[in-house]
């Protein structure tokens, strides 16, 4: 397991705060109220370890197959439905949405090989990520990738806790399946819009792994 580069600054700041709180706590409480100093230490240590775990990148055997569309994120499948895409395609698409809790791995990976033909950041609200309107009203970053099999749109959506979306793609870029394309901090959601007729290989409420679980088949 490694730590994502997006976490270096956050972990550093958290470590500094952890140190300050506990130095002050042991200075003021260790002699008179030792149990309080120990309690503060344990609580802040757990929070510090949680922050570190949020930015983890576990070692995994990634799934790479041109005939398959791979899940771009860890989490739980919360939506599988037909929808009208108003942003790019202007027609019917199959939407699959994956909700990422703060405990999930938050690295986002490309579902397929191809060329980025659309890349747009949208300012917006911070509704809870499972809210139906979060797909169109929350802060989000949309990417469209095209290859010989088809064209898909996938969007990173900020949630109530997520305050920063990182996206590393640009229009014209050739992306490789399962390579990292972004990161969302502290709880969020990813929507994938697929052509009608795509075989969906996941089910509602299924837990999936980014770069591993097969989302659909061409």
N, C-alpha and C. Protein backbone atom coordinates (compact mmCIF):
# COMPACT_ATOMS: atom_id res chain seq x y z
N UNK A 1 0.85 -1.20 0.00
CA UNK A 1 0.00 0.00 0.00
C UNK A 1 0.88 1.25 0.00
N UNK A 2 0.48 2.23 -0.78
CA UNK A 2 1.18 3.50 -0.81
C UNK A 2 0.20 4.63 -0.49
N UNK A 3 0.73 5.83 -0.31
CA UNK A 3 -0.09 7.01 -0.01
C UNK A 3 -0.17 7.89 -1.25
N UNK A 4 -1.37 8.32 -1.59
CA UNK A 4 -1.57 9.16 -2.77
C UNK A 4 -0.95 10.54 -2.55
N UNK A 5 -0.39 11.09 -3.64
CA UNK A 5 0.27 12.39 -3.54
C UNK A 5 -0.66 13.51 -3.10
N UNK A 6 -1.98 13.36 -3.37
CA UNK A 6 -2.93 14.39 -2.95
C UNK A 6 -3.04 14.46 -1.43
N UNK A 7 -2.54 13.43 -0.74
CA UNK A 7 -2.67 13.39 0.72
C UNK A 7 -1.49 13.96 1.47
N UNK A 8 -0.38 14.24 0.77
CA UNK A 8 0.82 14.65 1.48
C UNK A 8 0.60 15.90 2.35
N UNK A 9 0.02 16.93 1.75
CA UNK A 9 -0.19 18.17 2.49
C UNK A 9 -1.19 17.99 3.62
N UNK A 10 -2.30 17.31 3.32
CA UNK A 10 -3.32 17.09 4.36
C UNK A 10 -2.77 16.29 5.52
N UNK A 11 -2.03 15.23 5.21
CA UNK A 11 -1.45 14.39 6.27
C UNK A 11 -0.42 15.19 7.07
N UNK A 12 0.38 16.01 6.39
CA UNK A 12 1.36 16.83 7.09
C UNK A 12 0.71 17.81 8.06
N UNK A 13 -0.36 18.48 7.61
CA UNK A 13 -1.07 19.43 8.47
C UNK A 13 -1.71 18.70 9.65
N UNK A 14 -2.31 17.54 9.35
CA UNK A 14 -2.95 16.76 10.40
C UNK A 14 -1.93 16.29 11.44
N UNK A 15 -0.74 15.88 10.98
CA UNK A 15 0.31 15.44 11.91
C UNK A 15 0.76 16.59 12.81
N UNK A 16 0.86 17.78 12.22
CA UNK A 16 1.25 18.95 13.02
C UNK A 16 0.21 19.25 14.10
N UNK A 17 -1.08 19.24 13.71
CA UNK A 17 -2.16 19.51 14.68
C UNK A 17 -2.19 18.41 15.75
N UNK A 18 -2.01 17.16 15.32
CA UNK A 18 -1.96 16.03 16.25
C UNK A 18 -0.86 16.25 17.29
N UNK A 19 0.30 16.68 16.83
CA UNK A 19 1.41 16.91 17.75
C UNK A 19 1.13 18.04 18.72
N UNK A 20 0.62 19.17 18.22
CA UNK A 20 0.34 20.32 19.07
C UNK A 20 -0.69 19.97 20.15
N UNK A 21 -1.79 19.31 19.74
CA UNK A 21 -2.85 18.96 20.70
C UNK A 21 -2.30 18.06 21.79
N UNK A 22 -1.51 17.09 21.43
CA UNK A 22 -1.05 16.12 22.43
C UNK A 22 0.08 16.65 23.30
N UNK A 23 0.94 17.50 22.75
CA UNK A 23 1.95 18.15 23.59
C UNK A 23 1.26 19.01 24.65
N UNK A 24 0.25 19.79 24.21
CA UNK A 24 -0.48 20.63 25.16
C UNK A 24 -1.26 19.78 26.16
N UNK A 25 -1.87 18.71 25.67
CA UNK A 25 -2.66 17.85 26.55
C UNK A 25 -1.81 17.22 27.64
N UNK A 26 -0.67 16.66 27.28
CA UNK A 26 0.19 16.01 28.27
C UNK A 26 0.84 17.03 29.20
N UNK A 27 1.09 18.22 28.69
CA UNK A 27 1.67 19.27 29.53
C UNK A 27 0.69 19.69 30.62
N UNK A 28 -0.58 19.86 30.25
CA UNK A 28 -1.57 20.36 31.22
C UNK A 28 -2.26 19.27 32.03
N UNK A 29 -2.40 18.07 31.45
CA UNK A 29 -3.25 17.05 32.10
C UNK A 29 -2.53 15.80 32.58
N UNK A 30 -1.32 15.53 32.12
CA UNK A 30 -0.68 14.25 32.44
C UNK A 30 -0.47 14.04 33.93
N UNK A 31 -0.21 15.11 34.65
CA UNK A 31 0.03 14.98 36.09
C UNK A 31 -1.27 14.98 36.88
N UNK A 32 -2.19 15.88 36.55
CA UNK A 32 -3.41 16.01 37.35
C UNK A 32 -4.55 15.10 36.87
N UNK A 33 -4.71 14.96 35.55
CA UNK A 33 -5.80 14.12 35.01
C UNK A 33 -5.21 13.23 33.91
N UNK A 34 -4.43 12.23 34.28
CA UNK A 34 -3.75 11.42 33.26
C UNK A 34 -4.69 10.69 32.31
N UNK A 35 -5.85 10.26 32.82
CA UNK A 35 -6.79 9.52 31.96
C UNK A 35 -7.30 10.39 30.82
N UNK A 36 -7.42 11.71 31.08
CA UNK A 36 -7.90 12.63 30.05
C UNK A 36 -6.85 12.80 28.96
N UNK A 37 -5.59 12.91 29.36
CA UNK A 37 -4.51 13.04 28.39
C UNK A 37 -4.42 11.80 27.51
N UNK A 38 -4.57 10.63 28.11
CA UNK A 38 -4.52 9.39 27.35
C UNK A 38 -5.70 9.28 26.39
N UNK A 39 -6.89 9.68 26.87
CA UNK A 39 -8.09 9.65 26.03
C UNK A 39 -7.95 10.56 24.81
N UNK A 40 -7.44 11.78 25.05
CA UNK A 40 -7.24 12.72 23.95
C UNK A 40 -6.24 12.16 22.95
N UNK A 41 -5.19 11.53 23.47
CA UNK A 41 -4.18 10.94 22.59
C UNK A 41 -4.78 9.84 21.71
N UNK A 42 -5.57 8.95 22.32
CA UNK A 42 -6.14 7.84 21.56
C UNK A 42 -7.13 8.32 20.51
N UNK A 43 -7.97 9.29 20.88
CA UNK A 43 -8.96 9.82 19.92
C UNK A 43 -8.27 10.50 18.75
N UNK A 44 -7.30 11.35 19.05
CA UNK A 44 -6.60 12.07 17.97
C UNK A 44 -5.76 11.10 17.12
N UNK A 45 -5.23 10.05 17.74
CA UNK A 45 -4.46 9.06 16.97
C UNK A 45 -5.37 8.33 15.98
N UNK A 46 -6.57 7.96 16.43
CA UNK A 46 -7.51 7.29 15.53
C UNK A 46 -7.89 8.20 14.36
N UNK A 47 -8.11 9.48 14.66
CA UNK A 47 -8.46 10.42 13.59
C UNK A 47 -7.29 10.58 12.62
N UNK A 48 -6.09 10.63 13.15
CA UNK A 48 -4.91 10.77 12.31
C UNK A 48 -4.73 9.54 11.40
N UNK A 49 -4.92 8.36 11.95
CA UNK A 49 -4.81 7.13 11.17
C UNK A 49 -5.90 7.05 10.10
N UNK A 50 -7.10 7.57 10.43
CA UNK A 50 -8.18 7.59 9.44
C UNK A 50 -7.82 8.49 8.27
N UNK A 51 -7.24 9.66 8.55
CA UNK A 51 -6.83 10.57 7.48
C UNK A 51 -5.80 9.89 6.57
N UNK A 52 -4.85 9.19 7.18
CA UNK A 52 -3.85 8.48 6.38
C UNK A 52 -4.51 7.42 5.51
N UNK A 53 -5.44 6.66 6.11
CA UNK A 53 -6.08 5.57 5.36
C UNK A 53 -6.92 6.10 4.20
N UNK A 54 -7.44 7.30 4.33
CA UNK A 54 -8.26 7.87 3.26
C UNK A 54 -7.47 8.03 1.97
N UNK A 55 -6.18 8.31 2.09
CA UNK A 55 -5.34 8.56 0.92
C UNK A 55 -4.55 7.31 0.49
N UNK A 56 -4.97 6.16 0.96
CA UNK A 56 -4.24 4.94 0.64
C UNK A 56 -4.47 4.50 -0.80
N UNK A 57 -3.47 3.86 -1.37
CA UNK A 57 -3.59 3.20 -2.68
C UNK A 57 -3.19 1.75 -2.47
N UNK A 58 -4.16 0.85 -2.33
CA UNK A 58 -3.82 -0.56 -2.08
C UNK A 58 -3.23 -1.23 -3.31
N UNK A 59 -2.43 -2.22 -3.07
CA UNK A 59 -1.88 -3.01 -4.18
C UNK A 59 -2.96 -3.97 -4.70
N UNK A 60 -3.24 -3.91 -6.00
CA UNK A 60 -4.31 -4.72 -6.58
C UNK A 60 -3.89 -5.25 -7.95
N UNK A 61 -4.47 -6.39 -8.30
CA UNK A 61 -4.35 -6.90 -9.66
C UNK A 61 -5.46 -6.26 -10.48
N UNK A 62 -5.12 -5.31 -11.34
CA UNK A 62 -6.11 -4.56 -12.10
C UNK A 62 -6.63 -5.37 -13.29
N UNK A 63 -7.88 -5.11 -13.66
CA UNK A 63 -8.52 -5.81 -14.77
C UNK A 63 -8.36 -4.98 -16.05
N UNK A 64 -7.74 -5.56 -17.05
CA UNK A 64 -7.54 -4.85 -18.32
C UNK A 64 -8.04 -5.71 -19.47
N UNK A 65 -9.07 -5.22 -20.17
CA UNK A 65 -9.68 -5.97 -21.26
C UNK A 65 -10.44 -4.98 -22.13
N UNK A 66 -10.08 -4.87 -23.40
CA UNK A 66 -10.71 -3.89 -24.29
C UNK A 66 -12.20 -4.12 -24.45
N UNK A 67 -12.67 -5.34 -24.26
CA UNK A 67 -14.09 -5.65 -24.42
C UNK A 67 -14.92 -5.28 -23.19
N UNK A 68 -14.25 -4.84 -22.14
CA UNK A 68 -14.94 -4.59 -20.88
C UNK A 68 -14.76 -3.14 -20.42
N UNK A 69 -15.76 -2.65 -19.69
CA UNK A 69 -15.70 -1.33 -19.08
C UNK A 69 -15.52 -1.57 -17.58
N UNK A 70 -14.46 -1.00 -17.01
CA UNK A 70 -14.09 -1.29 -15.63
C UNK A 70 -14.58 -0.18 -14.70
N UNK A 71 -14.97 -0.54 -13.49
CA UNK A 71 -15.43 0.46 -12.51
C UNK A 71 -14.34 1.50 -12.26
N UNK A 72 -14.68 2.77 -12.35
CA UNK A 72 -13.68 3.82 -12.14
C UNK A 72 -13.41 4.14 -10.67
N UNK A 73 -14.22 3.59 -9.76
CA UNK A 73 -14.08 3.96 -8.35
C UNK A 73 -14.52 2.83 -7.43
N UNK A 74 -14.01 2.86 -6.22
CA UNK A 74 -14.49 1.97 -5.16
C UNK A 74 -15.81 2.50 -4.63
N UNK A 75 -16.62 1.62 -4.06
CA UNK A 75 -17.84 2.06 -3.42
C UNK A 75 -18.99 1.12 -3.63
N UNK A 76 -20.20 1.68 -3.58
CA UNK A 76 -21.43 0.90 -3.73
C UNK A 76 -22.25 1.43 -4.89
N UNK A 77 -22.78 0.53 -5.71
CA UNK A 77 -23.62 0.93 -6.84
C UNK A 77 -24.97 1.38 -6.30
N UNK A 78 -25.32 2.64 -6.55
CA UNK A 78 -26.57 3.20 -6.01
C UNK A 78 -27.59 3.53 -7.08
N UNK A 79 -27.17 3.55 -8.35
CA UNK A 79 -28.10 3.86 -9.45
C UNK A 79 -27.73 3.00 -10.66
N UNK A 80 -28.75 2.36 -11.25
CA UNK A 80 -28.64 1.76 -12.58
C UNK A 80 -29.95 2.07 -13.29
N UNK A 81 -29.92 3.01 -14.24
CA UNK A 81 -31.17 3.41 -14.89
C UNK A 81 -30.90 4.10 -16.21
N UNK A 82 -31.91 4.14 -17.05
CA UNK A 82 -31.83 4.92 -18.28
C UNK A 82 -32.09 6.38 -17.95
N UNK A 83 -31.35 7.26 -18.58
CA UNK A 83 -31.51 8.69 -18.34
C UNK A 83 -31.23 9.45 -19.62
N UNK A 84 -31.64 10.71 -19.67
CA UNK A 84 -31.33 11.58 -20.79
C UNK A 84 -30.14 12.45 -20.39
N UNK A 85 -29.05 12.33 -21.12
CA UNK A 85 -27.89 13.15 -20.83
C UNK A 85 -28.04 14.50 -21.51
N UNK A 86 -28.10 15.56 -20.70
CA UNK A 86 -28.29 16.91 -21.23
C UNK A 86 -26.96 17.63 -21.45
N UNK A 87 -25.88 17.04 -20.96
CA UNK A 87 -24.60 17.74 -21.02
C UNK A 87 -23.85 17.54 -22.34
N UNK A 88 -23.76 16.31 -22.83
CA UNK A 88 -22.92 16.03 -23.99
C UNK A 88 -23.65 15.26 -25.08
N UNK A 89 -24.22 14.10 -24.75
CA UNK A 89 -24.80 13.24 -25.77
C UNK A 89 -26.15 13.74 -26.27
N UNK A 90 -26.93 14.35 -25.38
CA UNK A 90 -28.28 14.84 -25.72
C UNK A 90 -29.21 13.71 -26.14
N UNK A 91 -29.00 12.53 -25.59
CA UNK A 91 -29.88 11.40 -25.89
C UNK A 91 -29.89 10.44 -24.71
N UNK A 92 -30.53 9.27 -24.89
CA UNK A 92 -30.64 8.30 -23.81
C UNK A 92 -29.30 7.62 -23.56
N UNK A 93 -29.04 7.40 -22.30
CA UNK A 93 -27.84 6.67 -21.87
C UNK A 93 -28.22 5.80 -20.68
N UNK A 94 -27.40 4.80 -20.40
CA UNK A 94 -27.55 4.02 -19.18
C UNK A 94 -26.62 4.64 -18.14
N UNK A 95 -27.19 5.08 -17.03
CA UNK A 95 -26.40 5.68 -15.96
C UNK A 95 -26.14 4.65 -14.86
N UNK A 96 -24.88 4.49 -14.51
CA UNK A 96 -24.49 3.69 -13.35
C UNK A 96 -23.75 4.62 -12.40
N UNK A 97 -24.20 4.69 -11.16
CA UNK A 97 -23.59 5.59 -10.18
C UNK A 97 -22.98 4.80 -9.04
N UNK A 98 -21.78 5.19 -8.66
CA UNK A 98 -21.06 4.54 -7.56
C UNK A 98 -20.85 5.57 -6.45
N UNK A 99 -21.36 5.26 -5.27
CA UNK A 99 -21.20 6.15 -4.11
C UNK A 99 -19.97 5.73 -3.32
N UNK A 100 -19.10 6.69 -3.05
CA UNK A 100 -17.89 6.44 -2.27
C UNK A 100 -18.04 7.07 -0.89
N UNK A 101 -18.00 6.25 0.14
CA UNK A 101 -18.02 6.76 1.51
C UNK A 101 -16.61 7.22 1.88
N UNK A 102 -16.47 7.97 2.97
CA UNK A 102 -15.12 8.39 3.38
C UNK A 102 -14.18 7.23 3.67
N UNK A 103 -14.72 6.04 3.91
CA UNK A 103 -13.88 4.88 4.21
C UNK A 103 -13.36 4.18 2.96
N UNK A 104 -13.90 4.52 1.79
CA UNK A 104 -13.48 3.87 0.55
C UNK A 104 -12.15 4.44 0.03
N UNK A 105 -11.50 3.68 -0.84
CA UNK A 105 -10.37 4.20 -1.59
C UNK A 105 -10.90 5.24 -2.57
N UNK A 106 -10.24 6.38 -2.68
CA UNK A 106 -10.79 7.48 -3.49
C UNK A 106 -10.00 7.79 -4.76
N UNK A 107 -9.12 6.90 -5.15
CA UNK A 107 -8.46 7.03 -6.45
C UNK A 107 -9.49 6.71 -7.54
N UNK A 108 -9.54 7.51 -8.59
CA UNK A 108 -10.42 7.26 -9.74
C UNK A 108 -9.58 6.77 -10.92
N UNK A 109 -10.09 5.71 -11.60
CA UNK A 109 -9.33 5.08 -12.68
C UNK A 109 -10.13 5.08 -13.98
N UNK A 110 -9.45 5.17 -15.10
CA UNK A 110 -10.11 5.17 -16.40
C UNK A 110 -10.81 3.84 -16.65
N UNK A 111 -12.10 3.87 -17.02
CA UNK A 111 -12.83 2.63 -17.28
C UNK A 111 -12.40 1.90 -18.55
N UNK A 112 -11.76 2.65 -19.49
CA UNK A 112 -11.38 2.00 -20.76
C UNK A 112 -10.25 2.79 -21.42
N UNK A 113 -9.63 2.19 -22.43
CA UNK A 113 -8.66 2.89 -23.27
C UNK A 113 -9.39 3.85 -24.21
N UNK A 114 -8.73 4.91 -24.61
CA UNK A 114 -9.35 5.78 -25.60
C UNK A 114 -8.80 7.19 -25.58
N UNK A 115 -9.45 8.05 -26.34
CA UNK A 115 -9.06 9.46 -26.44
C UNK A 115 -10.08 10.33 -25.71
N UNK A 116 -9.57 11.26 -24.92
CA UNK A 116 -10.44 12.22 -24.24
C UNK A 116 -10.92 13.24 -25.26
N UNK A 117 -12.24 13.30 -25.48
CA UNK A 117 -12.79 14.24 -26.46
C UNK A 117 -13.58 15.37 -25.79
N UNK A 118 -13.73 15.28 -24.47
CA UNK A 118 -14.49 16.32 -23.74
C UNK A 118 -14.01 16.31 -22.31
N UNK A 119 -13.80 17.49 -21.76
CA UNK A 119 -13.34 17.61 -20.37
C UNK A 119 -13.84 18.95 -19.84
N UNK A 120 -14.73 18.89 -18.84
CA UNK A 120 -15.29 20.14 -18.35
C UNK A 120 -15.56 20.08 -16.85
N UNK A 121 -15.14 21.14 -16.16
CA UNK A 121 -15.39 21.31 -14.73
C UNK A 121 -16.63 22.18 -14.54
N UNK A 122 -17.52 21.78 -13.64
CA UNK A 122 -18.74 22.53 -13.35
C UNK A 122 -18.76 22.93 -11.87
N UNK A 123 -18.90 24.21 -11.61
CA UNK A 123 -19.13 24.64 -10.23
C UNK A 123 -20.54 24.21 -9.82
N UNK A 124 -20.77 24.06 -8.52
CA UNK A 124 -22.10 23.64 -8.10
C UNK A 124 -22.25 23.55 -6.60
N UNK A 125 -23.32 22.87 -6.21
CA UNK A 125 -23.66 22.74 -4.79
C UNK A 125 -22.89 21.57 -4.17
N UNK A 126 -23.19 21.33 -2.89
CA UNK A 126 -22.59 20.20 -2.18
C UNK A 126 -23.69 19.39 -1.50
N UNK A 127 -24.67 18.96 -2.31
CA UNK A 127 -25.70 18.06 -1.80
C UNK A 127 -25.06 16.73 -1.44
N UNK A 128 -25.71 15.96 -0.55
CA UNK A 128 -25.18 14.63 -0.25
C UNK A 128 -25.08 13.85 -1.55
N UNK A 129 -24.04 13.03 -1.67
CA UNK A 129 -23.71 12.40 -2.95
C UNK A 129 -24.78 11.46 -3.47
N UNK A 130 -25.62 10.92 -2.56
CA UNK A 130 -26.67 10.00 -3.03
C UNK A 130 -27.95 10.73 -3.43
N UNK A 131 -27.97 12.06 -3.31
CA UNK A 131 -29.15 12.83 -3.70
C UNK A 131 -29.31 12.75 -5.22
N UNK A 132 -30.54 12.50 -5.72
CA UNK A 132 -30.76 12.37 -7.17
C UNK A 132 -30.27 13.57 -7.98
N UNK A 133 -30.34 14.77 -7.41
CA UNK A 133 -29.95 15.96 -8.16
C UNK A 133 -28.45 16.25 -8.08
N UNK A 134 -27.71 15.44 -7.31
CA UNK A 134 -26.28 15.70 -7.20
C UNK A 134 -25.57 15.55 -8.55
N UNK A 135 -26.12 14.70 -9.44
CA UNK A 135 -25.49 14.48 -10.76
C UNK A 135 -25.48 15.73 -11.62
N UNK A 136 -26.47 16.60 -11.41
CA UNK A 136 -26.60 17.79 -12.27
C UNK A 136 -26.42 19.10 -11.54
N UNK A 137 -26.48 19.10 -10.21
CA UNK A 137 -26.42 20.35 -9.47
C UNK A 137 -25.16 20.50 -8.60
N UNK A 138 -24.50 19.40 -8.27
CA UNK A 138 -23.30 19.50 -7.45
C UNK A 138 -22.07 19.91 -8.26
N UNK A 139 -21.06 20.32 -7.57
CA UNK A 139 -19.76 20.52 -8.22
C UNK A 139 -19.36 19.19 -8.84
N UNK A 140 -18.85 19.22 -10.08
CA UNK A 140 -18.54 17.96 -10.76
C UNK A 140 -17.54 18.21 -11.89
N UNK A 141 -16.96 17.12 -12.33
CA UNK A 141 -15.99 17.20 -13.42
C UNK A 141 -16.30 16.07 -14.39
N UNK A 142 -16.64 16.42 -15.62
CA UNK A 142 -17.07 15.44 -16.62
C UNK A 142 -15.96 15.18 -17.64
N UNK A 143 -15.81 13.90 -17.99
CA UNK A 143 -14.83 13.49 -18.98
C UNK A 143 -15.52 12.53 -19.96
N UNK A 144 -15.30 12.73 -21.25
CA UNK A 144 -15.83 11.81 -22.26
C UNK A 144 -14.65 11.17 -22.98
N UNK A 145 -14.67 9.85 -23.06
CA UNK A 145 -13.60 9.10 -23.73
C UNK A 145 -14.22 8.26 -24.85
N UNK A 146 -13.53 8.23 -25.98
CA UNK A 146 -14.02 7.50 -27.16
C UNK A 146 -12.95 6.52 -27.64
N UNK A 147 -13.40 5.32 -28.03
CA UNK A 147 -12.52 4.38 -28.72
C UNK A 147 -13.32 3.63 -29.79
N UNK A 148 -12.76 2.58 -30.34
CA UNK A 148 -13.43 1.86 -31.44
C UNK A 148 -14.69 1.13 -31.00
N UNK A 149 -14.84 0.90 -29.70
CA UNK A 149 -16.01 0.18 -29.19
C UNK A 149 -17.18 1.13 -28.91
N UNK A 150 -16.88 2.34 -28.50
CA UNK A 150 -17.95 3.28 -28.16
C UNK A 150 -17.43 4.48 -27.40
N UNK A 151 -18.37 5.28 -26.92
CA UNK A 151 -18.05 6.52 -26.21
C UNK A 151 -18.79 6.54 -24.88
N UNK A 152 -18.09 6.87 -23.81
CA UNK A 152 -18.73 6.96 -22.50
C UNK A 152 -18.37 8.28 -21.82
N UNK A 153 -19.25 8.71 -20.95
CA UNK A 153 -19.00 9.88 -20.12
C UNK A 153 -18.92 9.43 -18.68
N UNK A 154 -17.92 9.88 -17.98
CA UNK A 154 -17.88 9.62 -16.54
C UNK A 154 -17.58 10.92 -15.81
N UNK A 155 -18.29 11.12 -14.73
CA UNK A 155 -18.15 12.38 -14.01
C UNK A 155 -17.87 12.16 -12.53
N UNK A 156 -16.95 12.93 -12.02
CA UNK A 156 -16.65 12.96 -10.59
C UNK A 156 -17.59 14.00 -9.97
N UNK A 157 -18.26 13.61 -8.90
CA UNK A 157 -19.26 14.48 -8.28
C UNK A 157 -18.90 14.70 -6.82
N UNK A 158 -18.81 15.95 -6.42
CA UNK A 158 -18.53 16.27 -5.03
C UNK A 158 -19.77 16.00 -4.18
N UNK A 159 -19.55 15.59 -2.94
CA UNK A 159 -20.65 15.37 -2.00
C UNK A 159 -20.66 16.42 -0.92
N UNK A 160 -21.36 16.14 0.17
CA UNK A 160 -21.47 17.10 1.27
C UNK A 160 -20.12 17.33 1.94
N UNK A 161 -19.26 16.30 1.95
CA UNK A 161 -17.95 16.42 2.58
C UNK A 161 -16.85 16.71 1.58
N UNK A 162 -17.04 16.29 0.35
CA UNK A 162 -15.99 16.46 -0.66
C UNK A 162 -15.90 17.92 -1.08
N UNK A 163 -14.74 18.51 -0.90
CA UNK A 163 -14.56 19.92 -1.23
C UNK A 163 -13.49 20.14 -2.29
N UNK A 164 -12.96 19.06 -2.82
CA UNK A 164 -11.97 19.23 -3.87
C UNK A 164 -11.97 18.03 -4.80
N UNK A 165 -12.17 18.32 -6.09
CA UNK A 165 -12.09 17.29 -7.12
C UNK A 165 -10.80 17.50 -7.89
N UNK A 166 -9.99 16.45 -8.01
CA UNK A 166 -8.76 16.50 -8.78
C UNK A 166 -8.95 15.69 -10.05
N UNK A 167 -8.62 16.28 -11.19
CA UNK A 167 -8.75 15.58 -12.46
C UNK A 167 -7.50 15.83 -13.28
N UNK A 168 -6.92 14.76 -13.84
CA UNK A 168 -5.63 14.86 -14.51
C UNK A 168 -5.72 14.67 -16.02
N UNK A 169 -6.93 14.75 -16.60
CA UNK A 169 -7.08 14.52 -18.03
C UNK A 169 -7.23 15.83 -18.80
N UNK A 170 -6.90 15.78 -20.09
CA UNK A 170 -7.08 16.93 -20.98
C UNK A 170 -7.62 16.43 -22.32
N UNK A 171 -8.31 17.30 -23.03
CA UNK A 171 -8.85 16.94 -24.35
C UNK A 171 -7.70 16.58 -25.29
N UNK A 172 -7.87 15.47 -26.01
CA UNK A 172 -6.85 15.00 -26.93
C UNK A 172 -5.91 13.97 -26.32
N UNK A 173 -5.97 13.82 -25.00
CA UNK A 173 -5.10 12.86 -24.32
C UNK A 173 -5.53 11.42 -24.60
N UNK A 174 -4.58 10.55 -24.80
CA UNK A 174 -4.84 9.11 -24.91
C UNK A 174 -4.71 8.50 -23.52
N UNK A 175 -5.82 7.96 -23.01
CA UNK A 175 -5.79 7.40 -21.67
C UNK A 175 -5.80 5.88 -21.74
N UNK A 176 -5.23 5.26 -20.73
CA UNK A 176 -5.16 3.81 -20.67
C UNK A 176 -6.07 3.28 -19.58
N UNK A 177 -6.74 2.19 -19.88
CA UNK A 177 -7.67 1.56 -18.95
C UNK A 177 -6.98 1.28 -17.61
N UNK A 178 -7.65 1.67 -16.54
CA UNK A 178 -7.23 1.44 -15.15
C UNK A 178 -6.13 2.38 -14.67
N UNK A 179 -5.59 3.23 -15.56
CA UNK A 179 -4.66 4.24 -15.08
C UNK A 179 -5.43 5.29 -14.28
N UNK A 180 -4.77 5.89 -13.35
CA UNK A 180 -5.41 6.91 -12.50
C UNK A 180 -5.73 8.16 -13.32
N UNK A 181 -6.96 8.67 -13.16
CA UNK A 181 -7.30 9.92 -13.86
C UNK A 181 -7.77 11.01 -12.91
N UNK A 182 -7.94 10.69 -11.62
CA UNK A 182 -8.38 11.72 -10.69
C UNK A 182 -8.52 11.22 -9.27
N UNK A 183 -8.96 12.14 -8.41
CA UNK A 183 -9.11 11.85 -6.99
C UNK A 183 -10.13 12.83 -6.43
N UNK A 184 -11.00 12.36 -5.53
CA UNK A 184 -11.97 13.25 -4.87
C UNK A 184 -11.78 13.12 -3.37
N UNK A 185 -11.64 14.24 -2.69
CA UNK A 185 -11.35 14.20 -1.25
C UNK A 185 -12.62 14.11 -0.41
N UNK A 186 -12.66 13.13 0.46
CA UNK A 186 -13.64 13.01 1.55
C UNK A 186 -15.09 12.79 1.13
N UNK A 187 -15.35 11.64 0.53
CA UNK A 187 -16.74 11.24 0.27
C UNK A 187 -17.31 11.83 -1.00
N UNK A 188 -17.83 11.01 -1.89
CA UNK A 188 -18.24 11.53 -3.18
C UNK A 188 -18.94 10.46 -4.01
N UNK A 189 -19.00 10.69 -5.32
CA UNK A 189 -19.74 9.81 -6.20
C UNK A 189 -19.18 9.92 -7.62
N UNK A 190 -19.27 8.83 -8.36
CA UNK A 190 -18.90 8.84 -9.77
C UNK A 190 -20.07 8.29 -10.57
N UNK A 191 -20.49 9.02 -11.61
CA UNK A 191 -21.52 8.57 -12.55
C UNK A 191 -20.85 8.15 -13.84
N UNK A 192 -21.32 7.05 -14.41
CA UNK A 192 -20.84 6.59 -15.71
C UNK A 192 -22.04 6.51 -16.64
N UNK A 193 -21.97 7.16 -17.79
CA UNK A 193 -23.05 7.15 -18.76
C UNK A 193 -22.61 6.31 -19.96
N UNK A 194 -23.33 5.20 -20.18
CA UNK A 194 -22.97 4.20 -21.18
C UNK A 194 -23.99 4.18 -22.31
N UNK A 195 -23.59 3.73 -23.50
CA UNK A 195 -24.56 3.61 -24.60
C UNK A 195 -25.68 2.63 -24.24
N UNK A 196 -26.90 2.94 -24.67
CA UNK A 196 -28.01 2.02 -24.48
C UNK A 196 -27.68 0.72 -25.21
N UNK A 197 -27.90 -0.39 -24.54
CA UNK A 197 -27.56 -1.68 -25.11
C UNK A 197 -26.31 -2.30 -24.51
N UNK A 198 -25.55 -1.49 -23.75
CA UNK A 198 -24.38 -2.02 -23.07
C UNK A 198 -24.81 -3.06 -22.03
N UNK A 199 -24.15 -4.19 -21.97
CA UNK A 199 -24.45 -5.19 -20.96
C UNK A 199 -23.87 -4.74 -19.62
N UNK A 200 -24.74 -4.58 -18.63
CA UNK A 200 -24.30 -4.14 -17.30
C UNK A 200 -23.96 -5.37 -16.46
N UNK A 201 -22.78 -5.38 -15.89
CA UNK A 201 -22.31 -6.54 -15.13
C UNK A 201 -22.36 -6.35 -13.62
N UNK A 202 -22.90 -5.22 -13.16
CA UNK A 202 -23.03 -4.98 -11.72
C UNK A 202 -24.51 -4.87 -11.36
N UNK A 203 -24.79 -4.95 -10.07
CA UNK A 203 -26.15 -4.86 -9.57
C UNK A 203 -26.26 -3.75 -8.53
N UNK A 204 -27.49 -3.29 -8.30
CA UNK A 204 -27.72 -2.29 -7.26
C UNK A 204 -27.21 -2.79 -5.91
N UNK A 205 -26.61 -1.89 -5.16
CA UNK A 205 -26.08 -2.14 -3.82
C UNK A 205 -24.85 -3.05 -3.81
N UNK A 206 -24.35 -3.39 -4.98
CA UNK A 206 -23.13 -4.19 -5.03
C UNK A 206 -21.93 -3.33 -4.67
N UNK A 207 -21.01 -3.88 -3.90
CA UNK A 207 -19.77 -3.19 -3.59
C UNK A 207 -18.76 -3.50 -4.69
N UNK A 208 -18.13 -2.45 -5.19
CA UNK A 208 -17.22 -2.61 -6.33
C UNK A 208 -15.86 -2.02 -6.00
N UNK A 209 -14.85 -2.43 -6.77
CA UNK A 209 -13.50 -1.92 -6.61
C UNK A 209 -13.05 -1.25 -7.90
N UNK A 210 -12.53 -0.04 -7.77
CA UNK A 210 -12.04 0.68 -8.93
C UNK A 210 -10.86 -0.03 -9.56
N UNK A 211 -10.91 -0.16 -10.87
CA UNK A 211 -9.83 -0.81 -11.59
C UNK A 211 -9.88 -2.34 -11.57
N UNK A 212 -10.87 -2.90 -10.86
CA UNK A 212 -10.95 -4.35 -10.71
C UNK A 212 -12.29 -4.89 -11.20
N UNK A 213 -13.40 -4.36 -10.66
CA UNK A 213 -14.73 -4.88 -10.98
C UNK A 213 -15.15 -4.50 -12.39
N UNK A 214 -15.69 -5.46 -13.12
CA UNK A 214 -16.19 -5.18 -14.48
C UNK A 214 -17.57 -4.53 -14.37
N UNK A 215 -17.68 -3.32 -14.88
CA UNK A 215 -18.93 -2.58 -14.83
C UNK A 215 -19.87 -2.97 -15.96
N UNK A 216 -19.31 -3.13 -17.15
CA UNK A 216 -20.14 -3.46 -18.31
C UNK A 216 -19.30 -4.10 -19.40
N UNK A 217 -20.00 -4.64 -20.39
CA UNK A 217 -19.34 -5.31 -21.51
C UNK A 217 -19.89 -4.76 -22.82
N UNK A 218 -19.03 -4.46 -23.76
CA UNK A 218 -19.47 -3.93 -25.05
C UNK A 218 -20.25 -4.99 -25.83
